[in-house]
């Protein structure tokens, strides 16, 4: 299995609560995040323990599906989940309010691939997968800013 660790940072001129609510409501991701093709809610509760099945399609010609179980919620600062399926690992959204105002978002995504074809060529596809991930995350930042009606200050 190939292991990946991504860190994505976004900043919006929006209060923290609406950003948190949109990130927490993964069933709405296909409404604003271009790379998310489908989210099927498998189990709901009061946040922790919720499970959704995500199907992502990116600029590269493949799709990925995985289940994500919410393992921690600290409103409005942290959402953590554990992925299983074609990707396995942990994702953590961390939100904060910078001194200058708005909302800073950090996403840490530590995953490994389980699809045989993704692992068959060793490290060769890694640069393409990293490039692809970066594009998908930039699309998410732009889509989130749009639905918030906020300015995207930065996305890296």
N, C-alpha and C. Protein backbone atom coordinates (compact mmCIF):
# COMPACT_ATOMS: atom_id res chain seq x y z
N UNK A 1 0.83 -1.18 0.00
CA UNK A 1 0.00 0.00 0.00
C UNK A 1 0.88 1.25 0.00
N UNK A 2 0.46 2.23 -0.77
CA UNK A 2 1.16 3.51 -0.79
C UNK A 2 0.54 4.42 0.27
N UNK A 3 1.39 5.11 1.02
CA UNK A 3 0.95 6.01 2.08
C UNK A 3 1.12 7.46 1.62
N UNK A 4 0.13 8.29 1.97
CA UNK A 4 0.15 9.70 1.61
C UNK A 4 -0.19 10.53 2.83
N UNK A 5 0.44 11.68 2.92
CA UNK A 5 0.11 12.64 3.96
C UNK A 5 -0.02 14.01 3.30
N UNK A 6 -1.23 14.55 3.35
CA UNK A 6 -1.51 15.84 2.74
C UNK A 6 -1.90 16.84 3.82
N UNK A 7 -1.48 18.08 3.65
CA UNK A 7 -1.93 19.17 4.50
C UNK A 7 -2.43 20.26 3.56
N UNK A 8 -3.68 20.64 3.75
CA UNK A 8 -4.31 21.67 2.93
C UNK A 8 -4.74 22.80 3.85
N UNK A 9 -4.51 24.04 3.41
CA UNK A 9 -4.92 25.21 4.18
C UNK A 9 -5.77 26.13 3.31
N UNK A 10 -6.89 26.55 3.89
CA UNK A 10 -7.77 27.52 3.25
C UNK A 10 -8.01 28.66 4.24
N UNK A 11 -8.30 29.85 3.71
CA UNK A 11 -8.74 30.94 4.57
C UNK A 11 -9.84 31.71 3.86
N UNK A 12 -10.90 32.00 4.63
CA UNK A 12 -12.08 32.68 4.10
C UNK A 12 -12.37 33.92 4.93
N UNK A 13 -13.00 34.92 4.32
CA UNK A 13 -13.47 36.07 5.09
C UNK A 13 -14.90 35.79 5.53
N UNK A 14 -15.06 34.74 6.28
CA UNK A 14 -16.36 34.29 6.78
C UNK A 14 -16.23 33.95 8.25
N UNK A 15 -17.30 34.12 9.02
CA UNK A 15 -17.27 33.65 10.41
C UNK A 15 -17.07 32.13 10.44
N UNK A 16 -16.60 31.63 11.55
CA UNK A 16 -16.25 30.22 11.68
C UNK A 16 -17.47 29.28 11.64
N UNK A 17 -18.57 29.67 12.25
CA UNK A 17 -19.74 28.78 12.35
C UNK A 17 -20.26 28.29 11.00
N UNK A 18 -20.51 29.20 10.02
CA UNK A 18 -21.01 28.69 8.73
C UNK A 18 -20.02 27.78 8.02
N UNK A 19 -18.73 28.06 8.16
CA UNK A 19 -17.71 27.19 7.55
C UNK A 19 -17.78 25.81 8.19
N UNK A 20 -17.82 25.79 9.51
CA UNK A 20 -17.90 24.53 10.24
C UNK A 20 -19.14 23.74 9.82
N UNK A 21 -20.29 24.40 9.76
CA UNK A 21 -21.54 23.71 9.43
C UNK A 21 -21.49 23.08 8.04
N UNK A 22 -20.92 23.78 7.07
CA UNK A 22 -20.83 23.22 5.71
C UNK A 22 -19.86 22.04 5.65
N UNK A 23 -18.75 22.13 6.37
CA UNK A 23 -17.81 21.02 6.38
C UNK A 23 -18.38 19.82 7.12
N UNK A 24 -19.15 20.07 8.15
CA UNK A 24 -19.75 18.99 8.94
C UNK A 24 -20.83 18.26 8.15
N UNK A 25 -21.54 18.97 7.28
CA UNK A 25 -22.66 18.41 6.52
C UNK A 25 -22.17 17.79 5.21
N UNK A 26 -21.51 16.64 5.32
CA UNK A 26 -20.90 16.02 4.14
C UNK A 26 -21.91 15.62 3.07
N UNK A 27 -23.17 15.40 3.44
CA UNK A 27 -24.18 15.04 2.44
C UNK A 27 -24.37 16.15 1.42
N UNK A 28 -24.02 17.38 1.78
CA UNK A 28 -24.15 18.52 0.86
C UNK A 28 -22.90 18.76 0.01
N UNK A 29 -21.83 18.04 0.25
CA UNK A 29 -20.60 18.27 -0.50
C UNK A 29 -20.82 18.28 -2.02
N UNK A 30 -21.60 17.34 -2.57
CA UNK A 30 -21.76 17.36 -4.03
C UNK A 30 -22.41 18.66 -4.55
N UNK A 31 -23.10 19.39 -3.69
CA UNK A 31 -23.72 20.66 -4.10
C UNK A 31 -22.68 21.74 -4.38
N UNK A 32 -21.52 21.65 -3.74
CA UNK A 32 -20.55 22.73 -3.89
C UNK A 32 -19.12 22.28 -4.18
N UNK A 33 -18.83 20.99 -4.04
CA UNK A 33 -17.46 20.50 -4.25
C UNK A 33 -17.43 19.67 -5.52
N UNK A 34 -16.82 20.23 -6.55
CA UNK A 34 -16.82 19.62 -7.89
C UNK A 34 -16.35 18.17 -7.90
N UNK A 35 -15.36 17.81 -7.10
CA UNK A 35 -14.81 16.46 -7.13
C UNK A 35 -15.67 15.40 -6.45
N UNK A 36 -16.65 15.83 -5.67
CA UNK A 36 -17.49 14.88 -4.94
C UNK A 36 -18.69 14.53 -5.81
N UNK A 37 -18.73 13.31 -6.28
CA UNK A 37 -19.81 12.89 -7.18
C UNK A 37 -21.04 12.39 -6.41
N UNK A 38 -20.79 11.78 -5.26
CA UNK A 38 -21.92 11.25 -4.50
C UNK A 38 -21.52 11.06 -3.04
N UNK A 39 -22.46 11.34 -2.16
CA UNK A 39 -22.30 11.02 -0.74
C UNK A 39 -23.56 10.29 -0.31
N UNK A 40 -23.38 9.08 0.15
CA UNK A 40 -24.50 8.27 0.64
C UNK A 40 -24.36 8.18 2.16
N UNK A 41 -25.35 8.72 2.87
CA UNK A 41 -25.32 8.67 4.32
C UNK A 41 -25.74 7.27 4.76
N UNK A 42 -24.85 6.57 5.45
CA UNK A 42 -25.09 5.20 5.87
C UNK A 42 -25.60 5.12 7.31
N UNK A 43 -25.18 6.07 8.15
CA UNK A 43 -25.59 6.07 9.55
C UNK A 43 -25.53 7.50 10.07
N UNK A 44 -26.59 7.93 10.74
CA UNK A 44 -26.59 9.27 11.33
C UNK A 44 -26.87 9.19 12.82
N UNK A 45 -26.42 10.21 13.49
CA UNK A 45 -26.64 10.32 14.92
C UNK A 45 -26.48 11.77 15.30
N UNK A 46 -25.66 12.00 16.28
CA UNK A 46 -25.43 13.38 16.68
C UNK A 46 -24.03 13.86 16.30
N UNK A 47 -23.48 13.31 15.26
CA UNK A 47 -22.15 13.71 14.78
C UNK A 47 -21.16 12.56 14.89
N UNK A 48 -20.66 12.30 16.07
CA UNK A 48 -19.71 11.20 16.25
C UNK A 48 -20.44 9.88 15.98
N UNK A 49 -19.82 9.06 15.16
CA UNK A 49 -20.44 7.79 14.77
C UNK A 49 -21.16 7.85 13.44
N UNK A 50 -21.39 9.06 12.91
CA UNK A 50 -22.00 9.17 11.58
C UNK A 50 -21.08 8.52 10.55
N UNK A 51 -21.66 7.83 9.58
CA UNK A 51 -20.88 7.19 8.53
C UNK A 51 -21.47 7.57 7.18
N UNK A 52 -20.61 8.00 6.26
CA UNK A 52 -21.02 8.33 4.90
C UNK A 52 -20.09 7.65 3.92
N UNK A 53 -20.65 7.28 2.77
CA UNK A 53 -19.84 6.71 1.68
C UNK A 53 -19.65 7.80 0.62
N UNK A 54 -18.40 8.12 0.37
CA UNK A 54 -18.04 9.16 -0.59
C UNK A 54 -17.58 8.53 -1.90
N UNK A 55 -17.98 9.12 -3.01
CA UNK A 55 -17.43 8.78 -4.31
C UNK A 55 -16.86 10.06 -4.90
N UNK A 56 -15.57 10.03 -5.17
CA UNK A 56 -14.85 11.19 -5.70
C UNK A 56 -14.41 10.90 -7.13
N UNK A 57 -14.47 11.91 -7.96
CA UNK A 57 -13.96 11.84 -9.33
C UNK A 57 -13.12 13.09 -9.54
N UNK A 58 -11.96 12.91 -10.09
CA UNK A 58 -11.05 14.05 -10.22
C UNK A 58 -10.69 14.29 -11.67
N UNK A 59 -9.66 15.09 -11.89
CA UNK A 59 -9.23 15.37 -13.25
C UNK A 59 -8.54 14.16 -13.87
N UNK A 60 -7.94 13.30 -13.06
CA UNK A 60 -7.38 12.06 -13.58
C UNK A 60 -8.53 11.07 -13.83
N UNK A 61 -8.39 10.18 -14.77
CA UNK A 61 -9.53 9.32 -15.16
C UNK A 61 -9.77 8.13 -14.23
N UNK A 62 -10.08 8.41 -12.98
CA UNK A 62 -10.47 7.34 -12.07
C UNK A 62 -11.36 7.92 -10.98
N UNK A 63 -12.12 7.05 -10.34
CA UNK A 63 -12.95 7.42 -9.20
C UNK A 63 -12.48 6.64 -7.98
N UNK A 64 -12.74 7.20 -6.81
CA UNK A 64 -12.44 6.52 -5.55
C UNK A 64 -13.68 6.54 -4.68
N UNK A 65 -13.92 5.45 -4.00
CA UNK A 65 -15.02 5.38 -3.02
C UNK A 65 -14.46 4.89 -1.70
N UNK A 66 -14.95 5.49 -0.64
CA UNK A 66 -14.56 5.07 0.70
C UNK A 66 -15.62 5.51 1.68
N UNK A 67 -15.69 4.81 2.79
CA UNK A 67 -16.58 5.18 3.88
C UNK A 67 -15.79 6.03 4.86
N UNK A 68 -16.47 7.01 5.44
CA UNK A 68 -15.83 7.86 6.44
C UNK A 68 -16.72 7.90 7.68
N UNK A 69 -16.15 7.45 8.80
CA UNK A 69 -16.85 7.50 10.07
C UNK A 69 -16.33 8.67 10.88
N UNK A 70 -17.23 9.53 11.34
CA UNK A 70 -16.84 10.66 12.17
C UNK A 70 -16.46 10.13 13.55
N UNK A 71 -15.24 10.43 13.98
CA UNK A 71 -14.74 9.92 15.25
C UNK A 71 -14.60 11.00 16.32
N UNK A 72 -14.63 12.27 15.91
CA UNK A 72 -14.50 13.35 16.88
C UNK A 72 -15.08 14.63 16.30
N UNK A 73 -15.84 15.35 17.12
CA UNK A 73 -16.36 16.67 16.76
C UNK A 73 -16.18 17.58 17.97
N UNK A 74 -15.51 18.70 17.75
CA UNK A 74 -15.37 19.73 18.77
C UNK A 74 -15.82 21.03 18.12
N UNK A 75 -17.09 21.34 18.27
CA UNK A 75 -17.73 22.48 17.61
C UNK A 75 -17.13 23.78 18.09
N UNK A 76 -16.82 24.72 17.25
CA UNK A 76 -16.74 24.71 15.79
C UNK A 76 -15.30 24.58 15.29
N UNK A 77 -14.49 23.78 15.98
CA UNK A 77 -13.06 23.77 15.69
C UNK A 77 -12.51 22.51 15.05
N UNK A 78 -13.10 21.33 15.30
CA UNK A 78 -12.50 20.08 14.83
C UNK A 78 -13.57 19.10 14.36
N UNK A 79 -13.29 18.47 13.22
CA UNK A 79 -14.06 17.32 12.73
C UNK A 79 -13.03 16.29 12.31
N UNK A 80 -13.10 15.11 12.88
CA UNK A 80 -12.14 14.05 12.55
C UNK A 80 -12.90 12.81 12.11
N UNK A 81 -12.34 12.13 11.11
CA UNK A 81 -12.97 10.91 10.64
C UNK A 81 -11.96 9.87 10.22
N UNK A 82 -12.42 8.63 10.22
CA UNK A 82 -11.60 7.49 9.81
C UNK A 82 -12.17 6.92 8.53
N UNK A 83 -11.32 6.83 7.50
CA UNK A 83 -11.71 6.32 6.19
C UNK A 83 -11.40 4.83 6.07
N UNK A 84 -12.28 4.12 5.37
CA UNK A 84 -12.05 2.71 5.05
C UNK A 84 -12.61 2.44 3.66
N UNK A 85 -11.97 1.54 2.96
CA UNK A 85 -12.39 1.23 1.59
C UNK A 85 -11.21 1.40 0.66
N UNK A 86 -11.41 2.10 -0.46
CA UNK A 86 -10.33 2.28 -1.43
C UNK A 86 -9.25 3.23 -0.92
N UNK A 87 -9.57 4.01 0.08
CA UNK A 87 -8.60 4.77 0.86
C UNK A 87 -8.83 4.42 2.32
N UNK A 88 -7.75 4.29 3.08
CA UNK A 88 -7.85 4.01 4.50
C UNK A 88 -6.96 4.99 5.25
N UNK A 89 -7.49 5.56 6.32
CA UNK A 89 -6.69 6.48 7.11
C UNK A 89 -7.55 7.45 7.89
N UNK A 90 -6.97 8.61 8.19
CA UNK A 90 -7.63 9.60 9.04
C UNK A 90 -7.59 10.96 8.38
N UNK A 91 -8.72 11.68 8.46
CA UNK A 91 -8.80 13.06 8.01
C UNK A 91 -9.25 13.94 9.15
N UNK A 92 -8.62 15.10 9.28
CA UNK A 92 -8.97 16.03 10.37
C UNK A 92 -9.11 17.44 9.81
N UNK A 93 -10.33 18.00 9.95
CA UNK A 93 -10.58 19.41 9.67
C UNK A 93 -10.31 20.16 10.97
N UNK A 94 -9.48 21.20 10.92
CA UNK A 94 -9.22 22.05 12.08
C UNK A 94 -9.49 23.49 11.65
N UNK A 95 -10.40 24.15 12.36
CA UNK A 95 -10.78 25.52 12.05
C UNK A 95 -10.33 26.45 13.16
N UNK A 96 -9.97 27.66 12.79
CA UNK A 96 -9.57 28.67 13.77
C UNK A 96 -9.93 30.05 13.25
N UNK A 97 -9.87 31.01 14.14
CA UNK A 97 -10.15 32.40 13.78
C UNK A 97 -8.84 33.18 13.89
N UNK A 98 -8.24 33.54 12.76
CA UNK A 98 -6.99 34.31 12.82
C UNK A 98 -7.22 35.70 13.42
N UNK A 99 -6.16 36.30 13.87
CA UNK A 99 -6.24 37.64 14.44
C UNK A 99 -6.85 38.64 13.46
N UNK A 100 -6.56 38.47 12.19
CA UNK A 100 -7.07 39.39 11.17
C UNK A 100 -8.56 39.17 10.88
N UNK A 101 -9.14 38.10 11.44
CA UNK A 101 -10.55 37.81 11.22
C UNK A 101 -10.75 36.71 10.20
N UNK A 102 -12.01 36.37 9.96
CA UNK A 102 -12.33 35.30 9.03
C UNK A 102 -12.12 33.94 9.67
N UNK A 103 -11.96 32.94 8.81
CA UNK A 103 -11.78 31.56 9.28
C UNK A 103 -10.63 30.91 8.52
N UNK A 104 -9.72 30.32 9.27
CA UNK A 104 -8.63 29.52 8.70
C UNK A 104 -9.03 28.05 8.84
N UNK A 105 -8.83 27.30 7.78
CA UNK A 105 -9.16 25.88 7.75
C UNK A 105 -7.89 25.11 7.40
N UNK A 106 -7.65 24.05 8.14
CA UNK A 106 -6.54 23.15 7.84
C UNK A 106 -7.13 21.75 7.74
N UNK A 107 -6.73 21.04 6.67
CA UNK A 107 -7.16 19.65 6.53
C UNK A 107 -5.93 18.77 6.47
N UNK A 108 -5.84 17.85 7.42
CA UNK A 108 -4.77 16.85 7.45
C UNK A 108 -5.39 15.52 7.00
N UNK A 109 -4.81 14.93 5.99
CA UNK A 109 -5.34 13.71 5.38
C UNK A 109 -4.19 12.72 5.30
N UNK A 110 -4.21 11.74 6.18
CA UNK A 110 -3.18 10.69 6.21
C UNK A 110 -3.84 9.39 5.78
N UNK A 111 -3.55 8.97 4.56
CA UNK A 111 -4.24 7.81 4.00
C UNK A 111 -3.27 6.89 3.28
N UNK A 112 -3.77 5.70 3.03
CA UNK A 112 -3.05 4.74 2.18
C UNK A 112 -4.05 4.22 1.16
N UNK A 113 -3.52 3.91 0.00
CA UNK A 113 -4.37 3.40 -1.08
C UNK A 113 -4.49 1.88 -0.94
N UNK A 114 -5.66 1.36 -1.30
CA UNK A 114 -5.88 -0.09 -1.22
C UNK A 114 -6.18 -0.69 -2.59
N UNK A 115 -6.41 0.14 -3.60
CA UNK A 115 -6.68 -0.38 -4.94
C UNK A 115 -5.39 -0.95 -5.53
N UNK A 116 -5.47 -2.16 -6.04
CA UNK A 116 -4.28 -2.85 -6.56
C UNK A 116 -3.58 -2.03 -7.64
N UNK A 117 -4.33 -1.46 -8.58
CA UNK A 117 -3.69 -0.73 -9.68
C UNK A 117 -2.97 0.51 -9.17
N UNK A 118 -3.45 1.11 -8.07
CA UNK A 118 -2.80 2.31 -7.54
C UNK A 118 -1.48 1.97 -6.85
N UNK A 119 -1.35 0.73 -6.42
CA UNK A 119 -0.15 0.30 -5.71
C UNK A 119 0.80 -0.49 -6.59
N UNK A 120 0.37 -0.86 -7.79
CA UNK A 120 1.13 -1.76 -8.65
C UNK A 120 2.46 -1.19 -9.14
N UNK A 121 2.54 0.12 -9.26
CA UNK A 121 3.73 0.72 -9.86
C UNK A 121 4.64 1.40 -8.85
N UNK A 122 4.46 1.05 -7.59
CA UNK A 122 5.32 1.63 -6.55
C UNK A 122 5.17 3.13 -6.48
N UNK A 123 6.29 3.86 -6.39
CA UNK A 123 6.22 5.31 -6.22
C UNK A 123 5.96 6.10 -7.51
N UNK A 124 5.92 5.43 -8.67
CA UNK A 124 5.78 6.15 -9.94
C UNK A 124 4.55 7.05 -10.03
N UNK A 125 3.36 6.61 -9.60
CA UNK A 125 2.19 7.48 -9.75
C UNK A 125 2.07 8.57 -8.68
N UNK A 126 2.92 8.54 -7.67
CA UNK A 126 2.81 9.49 -6.54
C UNK A 126 2.70 10.95 -6.99
N UNK A 127 3.56 11.48 -7.87
CA UNK A 127 3.44 12.89 -8.26
C UNK A 127 2.08 13.21 -8.90
N UNK A 128 1.56 12.29 -9.69
CA UNK A 128 0.25 12.51 -10.32
C UNK A 128 -0.86 12.52 -9.27
N UNK A 129 -0.80 11.63 -8.30
CA UNK A 129 -1.83 11.59 -7.25
C UNK A 129 -1.77 12.84 -6.38
N UNK A 130 -0.57 13.33 -6.09
CA UNK A 130 -0.42 14.55 -5.29
C UNK A 130 -0.97 15.75 -6.07
N UNK A 131 -0.61 15.87 -7.33
CA UNK A 131 -1.11 16.94 -8.20
C UNK A 131 -2.63 16.90 -8.25
N UNK A 132 -3.18 15.72 -8.43
CA UNK A 132 -4.62 15.53 -8.51
C UNK A 132 -5.31 15.95 -7.20
N UNK A 133 -4.74 15.53 -6.07
CA UNK A 133 -5.29 15.90 -4.77
C UNK A 133 -5.33 17.42 -4.62
N UNK A 134 -4.26 18.08 -5.00
CA UNK A 134 -4.19 19.54 -4.87
C UNK A 134 -5.28 20.22 -5.69
N UNK A 135 -5.53 19.74 -6.89
CA UNK A 135 -6.59 20.32 -7.73
C UNK A 135 -7.95 20.12 -7.08
N UNK A 136 -8.22 18.91 -6.61
CA UNK A 136 -9.51 18.62 -5.97
C UNK A 136 -9.71 19.52 -4.76
N UNK A 137 -8.68 19.73 -3.97
CA UNK A 137 -8.80 20.56 -2.77
C UNK A 137 -9.01 22.03 -3.15
N UNK A 138 -8.35 22.51 -4.19
CA UNK A 138 -8.59 23.90 -4.64
C UNK A 138 -10.02 24.07 -5.11
N UNK A 139 -10.56 23.05 -5.80
CA UNK A 139 -11.96 23.10 -6.21
C UNK A 139 -12.88 23.19 -4.99
N UNK A 140 -12.54 22.45 -3.94
CA UNK A 140 -13.32 22.50 -2.71
C UNK A 140 -13.29 23.88 -2.08
N UNK A 141 -12.12 24.50 -2.04
CA UNK A 141 -12.00 25.84 -1.45
C UNK A 141 -12.85 26.84 -2.22
N UNK A 142 -12.79 26.79 -3.55
CA UNK A 142 -13.57 27.72 -4.37
C UNK A 142 -15.07 27.48 -4.22
N UNK A 143 -15.46 26.21 -4.19
CA UNK A 143 -16.88 25.88 -4.03
C UNK A 143 -17.41 26.29 -2.67
N UNK A 144 -16.62 26.09 -1.63
CA UNK A 144 -17.04 26.47 -0.28
C UNK A 144 -17.17 27.99 -0.19
N UNK A 145 -16.21 28.73 -0.73
CA UNK A 145 -16.30 30.19 -0.72
C UNK A 145 -17.56 30.65 -1.44
N UNK A 146 -17.86 30.02 -2.56
CA UNK A 146 -19.03 30.38 -3.35
C UNK A 146 -20.32 30.17 -2.56
N UNK A 147 -20.48 29.00 -1.95
CA UNK A 147 -21.71 28.72 -1.21
C UNK A 147 -21.81 29.57 0.06
N UNK A 148 -20.69 29.95 0.63
CA UNK A 148 -20.68 30.84 1.79
C UNK A 148 -20.97 32.29 1.40
N UNK A 149 -20.74 32.60 0.12
CA UNK A 149 -20.82 33.99 -0.30
C UNK A 149 -19.66 34.78 0.29
N UNK A 150 -18.53 34.10 0.47
CA UNK A 150 -17.35 34.68 1.11
C UNK A 150 -16.20 34.76 0.11
N UNK A 151 -15.23 35.57 0.46
CA UNK A 151 -14.02 35.67 -0.35
C UNK A 151 -13.03 34.61 0.13
N UNK A 152 -12.46 33.89 -0.82
CA UNK A 152 -11.40 32.93 -0.52
C UNK A 152 -10.10 33.74 -0.46
N UNK A 153 -9.54 33.86 0.72
CA UNK A 153 -8.35 34.67 0.92
C UNK A 153 -7.10 33.90 0.47
N UNK A 154 -7.06 32.60 0.79
CA UNK A 154 -5.93 31.78 0.36
C UNK A 154 -6.33 30.31 0.34
N UNK A 155 -5.64 29.58 -0.52
CA UNK A 155 -5.84 28.13 -0.64
C UNK A 155 -4.51 27.52 -1.06
N UNK A 156 -3.95 26.69 -0.20
CA UNK A 156 -2.71 25.99 -0.58
C UNK A 156 -2.71 24.57 -0.05
